[in-house]
Amino acid sequence: MHESWKAFLDSEFKKPYFKELSEFLHDEYERKVIFPPKKLVFSAFTTDLAKVKVVILGQDPYHTPGAAEGLAFSVPSSQPVPPSLINIYKEIDADIGCHTNLSGSLRRWQKQGVLLLNTVLTVEAHRPKSHAGKGWETFTTEVIAYLNREREGLVFMLWGRDARNKKALIDTSRHLVLEAAHPSPLSAYNGFFGCKHFSKCNEYLAEHGLEPIKW
């Protein structure tokens, strides 16, 4: 984790809800196959807090072996590009002309200040949403509230119902909130395709004197 998150994370880790979550996760990792690997659960927080410009909020990690790496929608470059990310790339291409990633890894976005965060940070193998309701939602609510409070002029992309539920935490007079359906093949045609979030994001960043993201 990046040093810039230390005070916030240390505070959260001491709270009763997180201690309960930690006990649950310890048992799950001991008895079952859980993704991502323990060392990657907090990968999103290797992004320097001071450099965050965009927050992409998804649901929970990929539940198939080798895919989840602790960054929402991203997979290691050795893995096939998942269907949700294929749809994200399609929307970028339709919106701004092309995307720059050569694989399913979104670390290039992360290096530019995109916080790739899921609402739930762990999952049991082949059981999507199996760790929902265990405490992660409380944690990510605190993360969004902290970003809203501590930063100015962020772009929040909320994709899917779980992510959109966080909208009430964000002061829309100080930040840009972009909402859409989840890019999953099951829902992408219900409002993700055509959302133009990527151009809207870059227009907002440029208006605030910030470097647009090279999507």
C-alpha atoms as a PDB file:
ATOM      1  CA  MET A   1       0.000   0.000   0.000  1.00  0.00           C
ATOM      2  CA  HIS A   2       1.150   3.535  -0.703  1.00  0.00           C
ATOM      3  CA  GLU A   3       2.245   5.557   2.318  1.00  0.00           C
ATOM      4  CA  SER A   4      -0.380   8.219   1.540  1.00  0.00           C
ATOM      5  CA  TRP A   5      -3.170   5.818   2.586  1.00  0.00           C
ATOM      6  CA  LYS A   6      -1.530   4.681   5.834  1.00  0.00           C
ATOM      7  CA  ALA A   7      -3.339   6.931   8.335  1.00  0.00           C
ATOM      8  CA  PHE A   8      -6.747   6.227   6.832  1.00  0.00           C
ATOM      9  CA  LEU A   9      -6.219   2.468   6.530  1.00  0.00           C
ATOM     10  CA  ASP A  10      -4.722   2.134  10.017  1.00  0.00           C
ATOM     11  CA  SER A  11      -7.815   3.860  11.397  1.00  0.00           C
ATOM     12  CA  GLU A  12     -10.195   1.549   9.516  1.00  0.00           C
ATOM     13  CA  PHE A  13      -8.287  -1.608  10.425  1.00  0.00           C
ATOM     14  CA  LYS A  14      -8.840  -0.857  14.140  1.00  0.00           C
ATOM     15  CA  LYS A  15     -12.621  -0.563  13.881  1.00  0.00           C
ATOM     16  CA  PRO A  16     -14.855  -3.417  15.129  1.00  0.00           C
ATOM     17  CA  TYR A  17     -16.406  -4.076  11.697  1.00  0.00           C
ATOM     18  CA  PHE A  18     -12.980  -4.576  10.120  1.00  0.00           C
ATOM     19  CA  LYS A  19     -11.809  -6.879  12.899  1.00  0.00           C
ATOM     20  CA  GLU A  20     -14.868  -9.056  12.240  1.00  0.00           C
ATOM     21  CA  LEU A  21     -14.162  -8.947   8.508  1.00  0.00           C
ATOM     22  CA  SER A  22     -10.526  -9.938   9.129  1.00  0.00           C
ATOM     23  CA  GLU A  23     -11.583 -12.955  11.196  1.00  0.00           C
ATOM     24  CA  PHE A  24     -13.996 -14.032   8.462  1.00  0.00           C
ATOM     25  CA  LEU A  25     -11.309 -13.663   5.781  1.00  0.00           C
ATOM     26  CA  HIS A  26      -8.709 -15.550   7.822  1.00  0.00           C
ATOM     27  CA  ASP A  27     -11.089 -18.505   8.052  1.00  0.00           C
ATOM     28  CA  GLU A  28     -12.046 -18.281   4.364  1.00  0.00           C
ATOM     29  CA  TYR A  29      -8.449 -18.207   3.137  1.00  0.00           C
ATOM     30  CA  GLU A  30      -7.614 -21.169   5.398  1.00  0.00           C
ATOM     31  CA  ARG A  31     -10.487 -23.378   4.221  1.00  0.00           C
ATOM     32  CA  LYS A  32     -11.334 -22.297   0.664  1.00  0.00           C
ATOM     33  CA  VAL A  33      -9.881 -20.907  -2.553  1.00  0.00           C
ATOM     34  CA  ILE A  34     -10.263 -17.128  -2.347  1.00  0.00           C
ATOM     35  CA  PHE A  35      -9.357 -14.461  -4.899  1.00  0.00           C
ATOM     36  CA  PRO A  36      -7.314 -12.385  -5.190  1.00  0.00           C
ATOM     37  CA  PRO A  37      -4.301 -13.796  -3.315  1.00  0.00           C
ATOM     38  CA  LYS A  38      -3.898 -12.160   0.115  1.00  0.00           C
ATOM     39  CA  LYS A  39      -0.941 -10.039  -0.995  1.00  0.00           C
ATOM     40  CA  LEU A  40      -3.041  -8.443  -3.776  1.00  0.00           C
ATOM     41  CA  VAL A  41      -6.253  -7.638  -1.882  1.00  0.00           C
ATOM     42  CA  PHE A  42      -5.258  -3.998  -1.337  1.00  0.00           C
ATOM     43  CA  SER A  43      -3.557  -3.433  -4.700  1.00  0.00           C
ATOM     44  CA  ALA A  44      -5.824  -0.465  -5.457  1.00  0.00           C
ATOM     45  CA  PHE A  45      -4.209   1.369  -2.560  1.00  0.00           C
ATOM     46  CA  THR A  46      -0.785   1.312  -4.167  1.00  0.00           C
ATOM     47  CA  THR A  47      -2.149   4.325  -6.108  1.00  0.00           C
ATOM     48  CA  ASP A  48      -0.801   7.546  -4.578  1.00  0.00           C
ATOM     49  CA  LEU A  49      -3.775   9.249  -2.905  1.00  0.00           C
ATOM     50  CA  ALA A  50      -2.479  12.685  -3.886  1.00  0.00           C
ATOM     51  CA  LYS A  51      -2.397  11.679  -7.565  1.00  0.00           C
ATOM     52  CA  VAL A  52      -5.869  10.135  -7.760  1.00  0.00           C
ATOM     53  CA  LYS A  53      -7.946  11.907 -10.413  1.00  0.00           C
ATOM     54  CA  VAL A  54     -10.520   9.262 -11.314  1.00  0.00           C
ATOM     55  CA  VAL A  55     -12.269   6.559  -9.284  1.00  0.00           C
ATOM     56  CA  ILE A  56     -13.751   3.589 -11.165  1.00  0.00           C
ATOM     57  CA  LEU A  57     -15.986   1.609  -8.843  1.00  0.00           C
ATOM     58  CA  GLY A  58     -16.985  -1.926  -9.753  1.00  0.00           C
ATOM     59  CA  GLN A  59     -18.558  -4.873  -7.884  1.00  0.00           C
ATOM     60  CA  ASP A  60     -16.391  -7.757  -6.670  1.00  0.00           C
ATOM     61  CA  PRO A  61     -13.237  -9.440  -8.024  1.00  0.00           C
ATOM     62  CA  TYR A  62     -13.118 -11.936 -10.862  1.00  0.00           C
ATOM     63  CA  HIS A  63     -13.879 -15.377  -9.420  1.00  0.00           C
ATOM     64  CA  THR A  64     -11.864 -17.515 -11.855  1.00  0.00           C
ATOM     65  CA  PRO A  65      -8.261 -18.636 -11.250  1.00  0.00           C
ATOM     66  CA  GLY A  66      -5.498 -16.205 -12.178  1.00  0.00           C
ATOM     67  CA  ALA A  67      -7.765 -13.282 -13.088  1.00  0.00           C
ATOM     68  CA  ALA A  68      -8.211 -11.164  -9.937  1.00  0.00           C
ATOM     69  CA  GLU A  69      -5.276  -8.909  -9.091  1.00  0.00           C
ATOM     70  CA  GLY A  70      -6.858  -6.440  -6.682  1.00  0.00           C
ATOM     71  CA  LEU A  71      -7.676  -3.786  -9.283  1.00  0.00           C
ATOM     72  CA  ALA A  72     -11.266  -3.455 -10.488  1.00  0.00           C
ATOM     73  CA  PHE A  73     -11.770  -4.885 -14.004  1.00  0.00           C
ATOM     74  CA  SER A  74      -8.016  -5.464 -14.485  1.00  0.00           C
ATOM     75  CA  VAL A  75      -6.350  -8.840 -15.053  1.00  0.00           C
ATOM     76  CA  PRO A  76      -2.665  -9.765 -15.380  1.00  0.00           C
ATOM     77  CA  SER A  77      -1.363  -9.233 -18.911  1.00  0.00           C
ATOM     78  CA  SER A  78      -0.917 -13.016 -19.262  1.00  0.00           C
ATOM     79  CA  GLN A  79      -4.682 -13.573 -18.880  1.00  0.00           C
ATOM     80  CA  PRO A  80      -7.371 -13.343 -21.582  1.00  0.00           C
ATOM     81  CA  VAL A  81      -9.330 -10.079 -21.559  1.00  0.00           C
ATOM     82  CA  PRO A  82     -12.579 -10.754 -19.629  1.00  0.00           C
ATOM     83  CA  PRO A  83     -15.996  -9.991 -21.183  1.00  0.00           C
ATOM     84  CA  SER A  84     -16.675  -6.941 -18.966  1.00  0.00           C
ATOM     85  CA  LEU A  85     -13.355  -5.408 -19.914  1.00  0.00           C
ATOM     86  CA  ILE A  86     -13.925  -6.184 -23.593  1.00  0.00           C
ATOM     87  CA  ASN A  87     -17.103  -4.115 -23.292  1.00  0.00           C
ATOM     88  CA  ILE A  88     -15.216  -1.317 -21.556  1.00  0.00           C
ATOM     89  CA  TYR A  89     -12.735  -1.255 -24.433  1.00  0.00           C
ATOM     90  CA  LYS A  90     -15.614  -1.242 -26.940  1.00  0.00           C
ATOM     91  CA  GLU A  91     -17.145   1.798 -25.242  1.00  0.00           C
ATOM     92  CA  ILE A  92     -13.790   3.609 -25.207  1.00  0.00           C
ATOM     93  CA  ASP A  93     -13.356   2.920 -28.912  1.00  0.00           C
ATOM     94  CA  ALA A  94     -16.867   4.175 -29.680  1.00  0.00           C
ATOM     95  CA  ASP A  95     -16.487   7.203 -27.412  1.00  0.00           C
ATOM     96  CA  ILE A  96     -12.988   8.539 -28.112  1.00  0.00           C
ATOM     97  CA  GLY A  97     -11.744   6.503 -31.051  1.00  0.00           C
ATOM     98  CA  CYS A  98      -9.371   3.954 -29.536  1.00  0.00           C
ATOM     99  CA  HIS A  99      -8.028   2.452 -26.338  1.00  0.00           C
ATOM    100  CA  THR A 100      -4.313   2.193 -25.580  1.00  0.00           C
ATOM    101  CA  ASN A 101      -4.119  -1.031 -23.553  1.00  0.00           C
ATOM    102  CA  LEU A 102      -2.631  -4.023 -25.340  1.00  0.00           C
ATOM    103  CA  SER A 103      -3.865  -6.545 -22.750  1.00  0.00           C
ATOM    104  CA  GLY A 104      -6.324  -6.833 -19.878  1.00  0.00           C
ATOM    105  CA  SER A 105      -3.965  -5.102 -17.458  1.00  0.00           C
ATOM    106  CA  LEU A 106      -5.159  -1.638 -16.403  1.00  0.00           C
ATOM    107  CA  ARG A 107      -1.986  -0.714 -14.537  1.00  0.00           C
ATOM    108  CA  ARG A 108      -1.354   2.006 -17.139  1.00  0.00           C
ATOM    109  CA  TRP A 109      -4.549   3.651 -15.957  1.00  0.00           C
ATOM    110  CA  GLN A 110      -3.529   3.241 -12.335  1.00  0.00           C
ATOM    111  CA  LYS A 111      -0.201   4.973 -12.986  1.00  0.00           C
ATOM    112  CA  GLN A 112      -2.113   7.953 -14.417  1.00  0.00           C
ATOM    113  CA  GLY A 113      -4.175   8.375 -11.239  1.00  0.00           C
ATOM    114  CA  VAL A 114      -7.135   6.055 -11.797  1.00  0.00           C
ATOM    115  CA  LEU A 115      -8.200   4.299  -8.580  1.00  0.00           C
ATOM    116  CA  LEU A 116      -9.590   0.913  -9.639  1.00  0.00           C
ATOM    117  CA  LEU A 117     -11.743  -0.088  -6.697  1.00  0.00           C
ATOM    118  CA  ASN A 118     -14.357  -2.782  -6.195  1.00  0.00           C
ATOM    119  CA  THR A 119     -17.124  -2.436  -3.596  1.00  0.00           C
ATOM    120  CA  VAL A 120     -16.146  -5.897  -2.285  1.00  0.00           C
ATOM    121  CA  LEU A 121     -12.453  -6.813  -2.374  1.00  0.00           C
ATOM    122  CA  THR A 122     -12.492 -10.632  -2.117  1.00  0.00           C
ATOM    123  CA  VAL A 123     -14.511 -13.541  -3.493  1.00  0.00           C
ATOM    124  CA  GLU A 124     -14.641 -17.325  -3.223  1.00  0.00           C
ATOM    125  CA  ALA A 125     -13.605 -19.202  -6.370  1.00  0.00           C
ATOM    126  CA  HIS A 126     -16.484 -19.634  -8.823  1.00  0.00           C
ATOM    127  CA  ARG A 127     -18.975 -17.988  -6.418  1.00  0.00           C
ATOM    128  CA  PRO A 128     -19.593 -14.383  -7.472  1.00  0.00           C
ATOM    129  CA  LYS A 129     -20.697 -12.051  -4.658  1.00  0.00           C
ATOM    130  CA  SER A 130     -19.922 -14.751  -2.066  1.00  0.00           C
ATOM    131  CA  HIS A 131     -18.200 -12.148   0.159  1.00  0.00           C
ATOM    132  CA  ALA A 132     -20.932  -9.537  -0.147  1.00  0.00           C
ATOM    133  CA  GLY A 133     -22.446  -8.448   3.158  1.00  0.00           C
ATOM    134  CA  LYS A 134     -19.378  -9.418   5.192  1.00  0.00           C
ATOM    135  CA  GLY A 135     -18.024  -5.933   5.861  1.00  0.00           C
ATOM    136  CA  TRP A 136     -16.293  -4.873   2.664  1.00  0.00           C
ATOM    137  CA  GLU A 137     -19.183  -2.572   1.740  1.00  0.00           C
ATOM    138  CA  THR A 138     -18.638  -0.663   4.991  1.00  0.00           C
ATOM    139  CA  PHE A 139     -14.948  -0.357   4.207  1.00  0.00           C
ATOM    140  CA  THR A 140     -15.455   0.916   0.664  1.00  0.00           C
ATOM    141  CA  THR A 141     -18.145   3.331   1.875  1.00  0.00           C
ATOM    142  CA  GLU A 142     -15.487   4.796   4.172  1.00  0.00           C
ATOM    143  CA  VAL A 143     -13.015   4.960   1.275  1.00  0.00           C
ATOM    144  CA  ILE A 144     -15.451   6.900  -0.938  1.00  0.00           C
ATOM    145  CA  ALA A 145     -16.411   9.215   1.925  1.00  0.00           C
ATOM    146  CA  TYR A 146     -12.721   9.843   2.635  1.00  0.00           C
ATOM    147  CA  LEU A 147     -11.962  10.646  -1.008  1.00  0.00           C
ATOM    148  CA  ASN A 148     -14.981  12.945  -1.164  1.00  0.00           C
ATOM    149  CA  ARG A 149     -13.820  14.775   1.949  1.00  0.00           C
ATOM    150  CA  GLU A 150     -10.078  14.957   1.361  1.00  0.00           C
ATOM    151  CA  ARG A 151      -9.898  15.608  -2.370  1.00  0.00           C
ATOM    152  CA  GLU A 152     -11.409  18.098  -4.811  1.00  0.00           C
ATOM    153  CA  GLY A 153     -12.436  17.719  -8.450  1.00  0.00           C
ATOM    154  CA  LEU A 154     -12.407  13.921  -8.726  1.00  0.00           C
ATOM    155  CA  VAL A 155     -14.296  11.965 -11.361  1.00  0.00           C
ATOM    156  CA  PHE A 156     -16.278   9.047  -9.934  1.00  0.00           C
ATOM    157  CA  MET A 157     -17.428   6.390 -12.428  1.00  0.00           C
ATOM    158  CA  LEU A 158     -20.077   4.249 -10.750  1.00  0.00           C
ATOM    159  CA  TRP A 159     -20.860   1.138 -12.798  1.00  0.00           C
ATOM    160  CA  GLY A 160     -23.627  -1.193 -11.686  1.00  0.00           C
ATOM    161  CA  ARG A 161     -26.115  -1.066  -8.815  1.00  0.00           C
ATOM    162  CA  ASP A 162     -23.604  -1.785  -6.044  1.00  0.00           C
ATOM    163  CA  ALA A 163     -21.378   1.063  -7.192  1.00  0.00           C
ATOM    164  CA  ARG A 164     -24.265   3.464  -7.788  1.00  0.00           C
ATOM    165  CA  ASN A 165     -25.428   2.956  -4.220  1.00  0.00           C
ATOM    166  CA  LYS A 166     -22.366   4.998  -3.164  1.00  0.00           C
ATOM    167  CA  LYS A 167     -23.529   8.135  -4.996  1.00  0.00           C
ATOM    168  CA  ALA A 168     -25.062   9.645  -1.850  1.00  0.00           C
ATOM    169  CA  LEU A 169     -21.567   9.793  -0.316  1.00  0.00           C
ATOM    170  CA  ILE A 170     -20.263  12.170  -2.987  1.00  0.00           C
ATOM    171  CA  ASP A 171     -20.684  15.949  -3.052  1.00  0.00           C
ATOM    172  CA  THR A 172     -21.601  16.559  -6.676  1.00  0.00           C
ATOM    173  CA  SER A 173     -20.834  20.272  -6.328  1.00  0.00           C
ATOM    174  CA  ARG A 174     -17.166  19.382  -5.783  1.00  0.00           C
ATOM    175  CA  HIS A 175     -16.790  16.219  -7.869  1.00  0.00           C
ATOM    176  CA  LEU A 176     -18.131  14.771 -11.131  1.00  0.00           C
ATOM    177  CA  VAL A 177     -20.260  11.637 -10.746  1.00  0.00           C
ATOM    178  CA  LEU A 178     -20.867   9.474 -13.829  1.00  0.00           C
ATOM    179  CA  GLU A 179     -23.331   6.581 -13.501  1.00  0.00           C
ATOM    180  CA  ALA A 180     -24.030   3.669 -15.827  1.00  0.00           C
ATOM    181  CA  ALA A 181     -25.032   0.024 -15.930  1.00  0.00           C
ATOM    182  CA  HIS A 182     -22.304  -2.516 -15.227  1.00  0.00           C
ATOM    183  CA  PRO A 183     -20.244  -3.390 -18.346  1.00  0.00           C
ATOM    184  CA  SER A 184     -21.002  -7.094 -17.934  1.00  0.00           C
ATOM    185  CA  PRO A 185     -22.504  -8.724 -21.059  1.00  0.00           C
ATOM    186  CA  LEU A 186     -25.677  -9.192 -18.973  1.00  0.00           C
ATOM    187  CA  SER A 187     -26.202  -5.448 -18.509  1.00  0.00           C
ATOM    188  CA  ALA A 188     -23.940  -3.454 -20.842  1.00  0.00           C
ATOM    189  CA  TYR A 189     -26.784  -2.826 -23.298  1.00  0.00           C
ATOM    190  CA  ASN A 190     -28.910  -1.346 -20.502  1.00  0.00           C
ATOM    191  CA  GLY A 191     -26.953   1.891 -20.355  1.00  0.00           C
ATOM    192  CA  PHE A 192     -23.237   1.206 -20.315  1.00  0.00           C
ATOM    193  CA  PHE A 193     -22.811   1.308 -24.072  1.00  0.00           C
ATOM    194  CA  GLY A 194     -23.219   4.893 -25.146  1.00  0.00           C
ATOM    195  CA  CYS A 195     -22.522   6.382 -21.693  1.00  0.00           C
ATOM    196  CA  LYS A 196     -19.487   8.290 -23.031  1.00  0.00           C
ATOM    197  CA  HIS A 197     -17.893   8.329 -19.591  1.00  0.00           C
ATOM    198  CA  PHE A 198     -14.366   8.416 -20.949  1.00  0.00           C
ATOM    199  CA  SER A 199     -14.733  11.590 -22.972  1.00  0.00           C
ATOM    200  CA  LYS A 200     -16.825  13.225 -20.229  1.00  0.00           C
ATOM    201  CA  CYS A 201     -14.113  12.387 -17.710  1.00  0.00           C
ATOM    202  CA  ASN A 202     -11.331  13.852 -19.825  1.00  0.00           C
ATOM    203  CA  GLU A 203     -13.320  16.998 -20.579  1.00  0.00           C
ATOM    204  CA  TYR A 204     -13.833  17.542 -16.846  1.00  0.00           C
ATOM    205  CA  LEU A 205     -10.159  16.939 -16.049  1.00  0.00           C
ATOM    206  CA  ALA A 206      -9.065  19.378 -18.779  1.00  0.00           C
ATOM    207  CA  GLU A 207     -11.488  22.004 -17.480  1.00  0.00           C
ATOM    208  CA  HIS A 208      -9.851  21.676 -14.068  1.00  0.00           C
ATOM    209  CA  GLY A 209      -6.324  21.977 -15.414  1.00  0.00           C
ATOM    210  CA  LEU A 210      -5.487  18.288 -15.109  1.00  0.00           C
ATOM    211  CA  GLU A 211      -3.925  15.937 -17.643  1.00  0.00           C
ATOM    212  CA  PRO A 212      -6.589  13.788 -19.346  1.00  0.00           C
ATOM    213  CA  ILE A 213      -6.326  10.014 -19.001  1.00  0.00           C
ATOM    214  CA  LYS A 214      -4.849   8.102 -21.939  1.00  0.00           C
ATOM    215  CA  TRP A 215      -7.522   5.441 -22.100  1.00  0.00           C
END
